[in-house]
């Protein structure tokens, strides 16, 4: 039996200043740990999660937090923290604003990726993790990982970036805006309740899934049964899949947190205030594994190669997958192989 994670909440008193102005009156950071920190305190792997994930990396990244996996809890001390702005224990729109005694809802202060990373830094300091073996992030998690590695390269021995980017491109911002349009079109958005705009959120999730999987993923997995009557609308397997995925999300997430994270996504530019992206990435003077996915239409292989070329010490690898951006969640066998080999190369 594999070791299960430990869940904790770290409370930070006092004002937490935000990059876009204002502050939060204290924050909570929910996090999971797996495995045991060694005596030297140098066997930690920190995982930054993506858009709607939580801190339980074993839950959303299957077959990785296992013996022999790249997050082997028998070998490493694995940490994953829920980002602020989310709804899995860290301070977010559903948290109570102590000034009003009511949840923030749509009045939650505007966050950036840098704000999320600054919260990670407070937690890492609290845990006394001054020498982290590897920082890993995919998608929005990769945004955080790149930002953190630029801010504190000395803290990490290595970096793994999967299907991500050093800035939010016009294409990715357009995807976010389309999802926001779906949520804002729900007239219940703005109502002071946690289940506001559920129809809009479900539609936003369905839109997002189109970009996560792409044509190859849908055409492979959502073909109708041969006996299906193609003349009857709304009964196709792809239709029910979209509705099912929307329903799944609204049972575990809320529209206000979704908007908060989408807005933070759009602020991502590691070169802001640092002389541009190339200049900022020069600070990452540690070994980096950059992984692209052949069918990813959000962060395409050419973009991943370009990212790798801008990093001083990066090796680029590519995963062959039919599942688009979601390949980073599906192709665990390939990821375990690539990342374990990378770890062996820097820590023989």
Protein backbone atom coordinates (compact mmCIF):
# COMPACT_ATOMS: atom_id res chain seq x y z
CA UNK A 1 0.00 0.00 0.00
CA UNK A 2 1.31 3.47 -0.92
CA UNK A 3 1.69 6.19 1.67
CA UNK A 4 -1.19 8.66 1.71
CA UNK A 5 -0.69 12.37 2.15
CA UNK A 6 -1.04 14.54 5.21
CA UNK A 7 -3.30 17.59 4.93
CA UNK A 8 -2.55 20.81 6.85
CA UNK A 9 -3.46 24.48 6.79
CA UNK A 10 -0.83 27.14 7.45
CA UNK A 11 -2.19 30.46 8.67
CA UNK A 12 -0.26 33.66 7.95
CA UNK A 13 -1.36 36.57 10.18
CA UNK A 14 -1.18 40.22 9.21
CA UNK A 15 -1.71 41.86 5.85
CA UNK A 16 -0.60 39.98 2.76
CA UNK A 17 0.21 42.68 0.15
CA UNK A 18 -0.88 42.06 -3.44
CA UNK A 19 0.94 43.01 -6.62
CA UNK A 20 -2.03 44.82 -8.15
CA UNK A 21 -2.62 46.86 -5.01
CA UNK A 22 -4.35 46.32 -1.73
CA UNK A 23 -3.88 43.33 0.51
CA UNK A 24 -5.54 40.36 2.12
CA UNK A 25 -6.00 40.55 5.91
CA UNK A 26 -4.09 37.37 6.61
CA UNK A 27 -4.16 34.22 4.49
CA UNK A 28 -4.56 30.49 4.88
CA UNK A 29 -2.56 28.05 2.76
CA UNK A 30 -3.82 24.48 2.49
CA UNK A 31 -1.22 21.89 1.62
CA UNK A 32 -0.51 18.17 1.41
CA UNK A 33 2.75 16.38 2.11
CA UNK A 34 3.75 12.85 1.15
CA UNK A 35 6.71 10.87 2.38
CA UNK A 36 9.35 11.95 4.89
CA UNK A 37 11.84 14.80 4.87
CA UNK A 38 15.37 13.43 5.29
CA UNK A 39 17.90 14.66 7.84
CA UNK A 40 19.59 16.96 5.33
CA UNK A 41 16.21 18.37 4.33
CA UNK A 42 17.17 18.14 0.67
CA UNK A 43 14.83 15.45 -0.72
CA UNK A 44 11.77 17.68 -1.24
CA UNK A 45 9.88 17.87 -4.50
CA UNK A 46 7.40 20.76 -4.68
CA UNK A 47 4.48 20.41 -7.10
CA UNK A 48 2.55 23.46 -8.31
CA UNK A 49 -0.98 22.52 -9.36
CA UNK A 50 -3.08 23.70 -12.31
CA UNK A 51 -6.37 25.59 -12.65
CA UNK A 52 -8.99 23.63 -10.69
CA UNK A 53 -6.80 21.08 -8.91
CA UNK A 54 -6.27 20.84 -5.16
CA UNK A 55 -3.24 20.18 -2.99
CA UNK A 56 -3.78 16.40 -3.03
CA UNK A 57 -1.51 15.64 -5.97
CA UNK A 58 -2.09 11.91 -5.48
CA UNK A 59 -5.77 12.56 -6.26
CA UNK A 60 -5.40 14.45 -9.54
CA UNK A 61 -2.07 13.12 -10.89
CA UNK A 62 -2.63 9.35 -10.84
CA UNK A 63 0.22 6.83 -10.85
CA UNK A 64 2.87 9.41 -9.96
CA UNK A 65 2.83 9.41 -6.13
CA UNK A 66 3.78 5.74 -6.09
CA UNK A 67 6.92 3.70 -5.56
CA UNK A 68 8.98 4.11 -8.70
CA UNK A 69 7.03 7.19 -9.79
CA UNK A 70 8.71 10.57 -10.11
CA UNK A 71 6.86 11.61 -6.93
CA UNK A 72 7.86 8.45 -5.06
CA UNK A 73 6.86 9.05 -1.40
CA UNK A 74 9.32 6.35 -0.28
CA UNK A 75 12.15 8.45 -1.69
CA UNK A 76 11.01 12.06 -1.69
CA UNK A 77 9.19 14.48 0.57
CA UNK A 78 6.48 15.76 -1.78
CA UNK A 79 4.69 19.05 -1.10
CA UNK A 80 1.76 20.53 -2.99
CA UNK A 81 0.00 23.71 -1.83
CA UNK A 82 -3.44 24.88 -2.89
CA UNK A 83 -3.08 28.29 -4.54
CA UNK A 84 -4.67 31.33 -2.95
CA UNK A 85 -7.78 32.25 -4.93
CA UNK A 86 -8.89 28.63 -5.03
CA UNK A 87 -11.54 26.87 -2.95
CA UNK A 88 -9.74 23.89 -1.42
CA UNK A 89 -8.71 25.35 1.90
CA UNK A 90 -6.52 28.28 0.91
CA UNK A 91 -7.86 31.83 1.11
CA UNK A 92 -10.16 32.53 -1.82
CA UNK A 93 -13.45 34.17 -2.84
CA UNK A 94 -15.52 31.87 -0.60
CA UNK A 95 -13.37 32.74 2.44
CA UNK A 96 -14.82 35.16 4.98
CA UNK A 97 -13.67 38.75 4.75
CA UNK A 98 -12.99 39.61 8.42
CA UNK A 99 -13.90 43.24 7.78
CA UNK A 100 -17.44 42.36 6.69
CA UNK A 101 -17.95 38.99 8.35
CA UNK A 102 -19.20 37.64 5.00
CA UNK A 103 -17.52 35.72 2.16
CA UNK A 104 -15.72 37.81 -0.43
CA UNK A 105 -17.54 36.35 -3.47
CA UNK A 106 -16.98 38.70 -6.44
CA UNK A 107 -15.34 41.34 -4.24
CA UNK A 108 -12.27 39.19 -3.74
CA UNK A 109 -9.08 41.21 -4.42
CA UNK A 110 -7.39 40.73 -7.77
CA UNK A 111 -4.47 38.27 -7.70
CA UNK A 112 -1.48 37.61 -9.91
CA UNK A 113 0.65 34.52 -10.35
CA UNK A 114 3.36 36.33 -8.35
CA UNK A 115 0.97 36.68 -5.41
CA UNK A 116 0.38 32.92 -5.51
CA UNK A 117 4.12 32.28 -5.54
CA UNK A 118 4.72 34.65 -2.63
CA UNK A 119 2.28 32.53 -0.63
CA UNK A 120 4.26 29.41 -1.62
CA UNK A 121 7.42 31.10 -0.39
CA UNK A 122 5.87 31.81 3.01
CA UNK A 123 4.92 28.15 3.34
CA UNK A 124 8.35 26.91 2.20
CA UNK A 125 9.97 29.20 4.76
CA UNK A 126 7.62 27.89 7.44
CA UNK A 127 8.56 24.30 6.55
CA UNK A 128 12.26 25.29 6.50
CA UNK A 129 12.68 23.95 2.97
CA UNK A 130 15.72 25.94 1.91
CA UNK A 131 17.06 23.32 -0.53
CA UNK A 132 14.31 21.83 -2.68
CA UNK A 133 15.44 19.02 -4.96
CA UNK A 134 12.96 19.81 -7.71
CA UNK A 135 10.13 22.21 -8.49
CA UNK A 136 7.51 20.76 -10.86
CA UNK A 137 4.64 22.51 -12.62
CA UNK A 138 2.38 21.92 -15.59
CA UNK A 139 -0.05 24.38 -17.20
CA UNK A 140 -0.92 27.10 -14.65
CA UNK A 141 1.27 25.17 -12.23
CA UNK A 142 4.11 25.76 -14.66
CA UNK A 143 3.37 29.49 -14.56
CA UNK A 144 3.96 29.38 -10.81
CA UNK A 145 7.07 27.22 -11.13
CA UNK A 146 8.70 29.53 -13.70
CA UNK A 147 7.91 32.60 -11.62
CA UNK A 148 9.24 31.03 -8.43
CA UNK A 149 12.42 29.76 -10.11
CA UNK A 150 13.13 33.28 -11.40
CA UNK A 151 12.55 34.76 -7.95
CA UNK A 152 14.57 32.18 -5.99
CA UNK A 153 16.75 30.00 -8.26
CA UNK A 154 19.07 29.28 -5.34
CA UNK A 155 16.29 27.46 -3.54
CA UNK A 156 16.02 24.68 -6.11
CA UNK A 157 18.35 22.04 -7.48
CA UNK A 158 16.22 21.41 -10.57
CA UNK A 159 13.05 22.44 -12.38
CA UNK A 160 10.51 20.46 -14.43
CA UNK A 161 8.17 22.38 -16.74
CA UNK A 162 5.40 20.51 -18.56
CA UNK A 163 3.03 22.05 -21.11
CA UNK A 164 3.35 25.64 -19.90
CA UNK A 165 4.79 29.03 -20.86
CA UNK A 166 6.69 32.06 -19.53
CA UNK A 167 3.75 34.36 -20.28
CA UNK A 168 0.04 34.26 -21.06
CA UNK A 169 -0.20 34.44 -24.84
CA UNK A 170 -3.08 36.16 -26.70
CA UNK A 171 -4.38 32.68 -27.59
CA UNK A 172 -4.53 31.50 -23.97
CA UNK A 173 -6.04 34.81 -22.84
CA UNK A 174 -8.72 34.45 -25.53
CA UNK A 175 -9.55 30.99 -24.18
CA UNK A 176 -9.92 32.49 -20.69
CA UNK A 177 -12.05 35.38 -21.92
CA UNK A 178 -14.41 33.02 -23.72
CA UNK A 179 -14.88 31.09 -20.49
CA UNK A 180 -15.45 34.32 -18.57
CA UNK A 181 -18.08 35.35 -21.12
CA UNK A 182 -19.90 32.08 -20.45
CA UNK A 183 -19.85 32.67 -16.69
CA UNK A 184 -20.84 36.34 -16.90
CA UNK A 185 -23.75 35.47 -19.20
CA UNK A 186 -25.29 33.57 -16.29
CA UNK A 187 -27.52 36.18 -14.64
CA UNK A 188 -26.93 34.71 -11.20
CA UNK A 189 -23.25 35.70 -11.29
CA UNK A 190 -22.74 38.33 -8.59
CA UNK A 191 -25.31 36.89 -6.23
CA UNK A 192 -23.87 36.37 -2.76
CA UNK A 193 -24.00 32.59 -2.69
CA UNK A 194 -21.45 29.87 -3.33
CA UNK A 195 -23.53 28.18 -6.04
CA UNK A 196 -24.04 31.30 -8.14
CA UNK A 197 -23.55 31.03 -11.92
CA UNK A 198 -23.37 27.25 -11.95
CA UNK A 199 -24.81 27.04 -15.46
CA UNK A 200 -22.22 29.54 -16.66
CA UNK A 201 -19.43 27.67 -14.91
CA UNK A 202 -20.53 24.38 -16.48
CA UNK A 203 -20.47 26.00 -19.92
CA UNK A 204 -17.03 27.50 -19.23
CA UNK A 205 -15.70 24.09 -18.28
CA UNK A 206 -17.07 22.59 -21.49
CA UNK A 207 -15.33 25.32 -23.48
CA UNK A 208 -12.08 24.72 -21.63
CA UNK A 209 -12.22 20.99 -22.29
CA UNK A 210 -12.21 21.57 -26.03
CA UNK A 211 -8.78 23.15 -25.67
CA UNK A 212 -7.52 20.62 -23.10
CA UNK A 213 -8.22 17.60 -25.30
CA UNK A 214 -8.38 18.92 -28.87
CA UNK A 215 -9.74 17.09 -31.90
CA UNK A 216 -7.58 13.98 -31.55
CA UNK A 217 -8.66 13.34 -27.97
CA UNK A 218 -12.36 13.76 -28.69
CA UNK A 219 -12.29 11.77 -31.92
CA UNK A 220 -10.53 8.93 -30.15
CA UNK A 221 -12.77 8.70 -27.07
CA UNK A 222 -16.19 10.17 -27.94
CA UNK A 223 -17.27 8.24 -31.01
CA UNK A 224 -20.94 7.23 -30.99
CA UNK A 225 -21.94 3.60 -30.72
CA UNK A 226 -22.53 2.07 -34.19
CA UNK A 227 -26.23 1.66 -33.37
CA UNK A 228 -26.66 5.34 -32.45
CA UNK A 229 -29.30 7.26 -34.45
CA UNK A 230 -27.34 10.18 -35.87
CA UNK A 231 -30.54 12.02 -36.79
CA UNK A 232 -31.46 12.73 -33.16
CA UNK A 233 -29.80 15.94 -31.91
CA UNK A 234 -28.16 16.35 -28.48
CA UNK A 235 -27.86 12.59 -28.00
CA UNK A 236 -24.32 12.14 -29.25
CA UNK A 237 -21.73 10.77 -26.87
CA UNK A 238 -19.73 13.98 -27.24
CA UNK A 239 -22.78 15.99 -26.12
CA UNK A 240 -23.30 13.95 -22.97
CA UNK A 241 -19.57 14.11 -22.24
CA UNK A 242 -19.57 17.91 -22.31
CA UNK A 243 -22.59 18.12 -20.01
CA UNK A 244 -21.13 15.49 -17.68
CA UNK A 245 -17.83 17.34 -17.33
CA UNK A 246 -19.63 20.61 -16.62
CA UNK A 247 -21.77 18.92 -13.97
CA UNK A 248 -18.68 17.37 -12.38
CA UNK A 249 -16.96 20.71 -11.97
CA UNK A 250 -19.88 22.59 -10.39
CA UNK A 251 -20.04 19.92 -7.69
CA UNK A 252 -16.50 20.71 -6.56
CA UNK A 253 -15.75 24.28 -7.63
CA UNK A 254 -17.36 27.72 -7.71
CA UNK A 255 -17.61 30.45 -10.32
CA UNK A 256 -15.94 33.13 -8.18
CA UNK A 257 -12.79 31.07 -7.60
CA UNK A 258 -12.73 30.12 -11.28
CA UNK A 259 -12.82 33.79 -12.31
CA UNK A 260 -10.15 34.71 -9.75
CA UNK A 261 -7.75 32.13 -11.17
CA UNK A 262 -8.52 32.93 -14.82
CA UNK A 263 -7.82 36.60 -14.10
CA UNK A 264 -4.53 35.71 -12.40
CA UNK A 265 -3.64 33.47 -15.36
CA UNK A 266 -3.90 36.45 -17.71
CA UNK A 267 -1.40 38.48 -15.63
CA UNK A 268 1.37 35.94 -16.12
CA UNK A 269 4.47 37.43 -17.68
CA UNK A 270 7.73 36.42 -16.07
CA UNK A 271 9.47 39.32 -17.82
CA UNK A 272 7.30 42.04 -16.28
CA UNK A 273 9.55 44.51 -14.50
CA UNK A 274 12.61 42.35 -15.23
CA UNK A 275 13.75 43.59 -18.61
CA UNK A 276 11.71 41.12 -20.63
CA UNK A 277 11.19 37.36 -20.70
CA UNK A 278 14.62 36.34 -22.01
CA UNK A 279 16.38 38.46 -19.43
CA UNK A 280 14.25 37.05 -16.61
CA UNK A 281 14.78 33.44 -17.65
CA UNK A 282 18.55 33.91 -17.49
CA UNK A 283 18.17 33.82 -13.70
CA UNK A 284 17.15 30.17 -13.83
CA UNK A 285 20.67 28.76 -13.72
CA UNK A 286 19.68 25.24 -12.65
CA UNK A 287 19.03 22.10 -14.72
CA UNK A 288 15.58 22.19 -16.32
CA UNK A 289 13.53 19.50 -18.03
CA UNK A 290 11.04 21.05 -20.44
CA UNK A 291 8.34 18.71 -21.74
CA UNK A 292 6.00 19.34 -24.66
CA UNK A 293 3.03 17.26 -25.80
CA UNK A 294 2.61 16.60 -29.52
CA UNK A 295 -1.13 17.39 -29.71
CA UNK A 296 -1.25 20.22 -27.15
CA UNK A 297 -3.02 23.20 -28.75
CA UNK A 298 -2.73 25.45 -25.68
CA UNK A 299 1.04 25.30 -25.21
CA UNK A 300 2.26 23.92 -28.51
CA UNK A 301 5.51 21.96 -29.00
CA UNK A 302 7.16 24.84 -30.92
CA UNK A 303 6.41 27.17 -28.00
CA UNK A 304 7.78 24.62 -25.52
CA UNK A 305 10.96 24.29 -27.58
CA UNK A 306 11.32 28.07 -27.62
CA UNK A 307 10.94 28.15 -23.83
CA UNK A 308 13.59 25.47 -23.47
CA UNK A 309 16.00 27.38 -25.71
CA UNK A 310 15.65 30.51 -23.57
CA UNK A 311 16.71 28.66 -20.41
CA UNK A 312 20.47 28.44 -19.72
CA UNK A 313 20.52 24.73 -18.82
CA UNK A 314 17.44 23.01 -20.28
CA UNK A 315 16.80 19.75 -22.08
CA UNK A 316 13.65 19.43 -24.18
CA UNK A 317 11.63 16.22 -24.40
CA UNK A 318 8.36 15.55 -26.18
CA UNK A 319 5.54 13.18 -25.30
CA UNK A 320 3.56 11.53 -28.07
CA UNK A 321 -0.09 11.63 -27.00
CA UNK A 322 -3.58 11.75 -28.50
CA UNK A 323 -4.93 13.59 -25.46
CA UNK A 324 -3.72 17.13 -26.10
CA UNK A 325 -2.90 19.33 -23.12
CA UNK A 326 -4.46 16.74 -20.81
CA UNK A 327 -1.71 14.37 -21.89
CA UNK A 328 0.24 15.51 -18.83
CA UNK A 329 -2.45 13.88 -16.68
CA UNK A 330 -2.90 10.80 -18.86
CA UNK A 331 0.60 9.80 -19.99
CA UNK A 332 1.97 8.96 -16.54
CA UNK A 333 4.12 6.09 -17.78
CA UNK A 334 6.04 8.35 -20.16
CA UNK A 335 6.31 11.13 -17.60
CA UNK A 336 7.62 8.77 -14.93
CA UNK A 337 10.26 7.57 -17.38
CA UNK A 338 11.35 11.04 -18.55
CA UNK A 339 11.39 12.71 -15.16
CA UNK A 340 13.06 9.82 -13.33
CA UNK A 341 15.81 9.80 -15.96
CA UNK A 342 16.21 13.55 -15.56
CA UNK A 343 16.48 13.21 -11.80
CA UNK A 344 19.10 10.48 -12.22
CA UNK A 345 21.15 12.72 -14.50
CA UNK A 346 21.38 15.47 -11.89
CA UNK A 347 21.54 13.24 -8.81
CA UNK A 348 23.28 10.01 -9.87
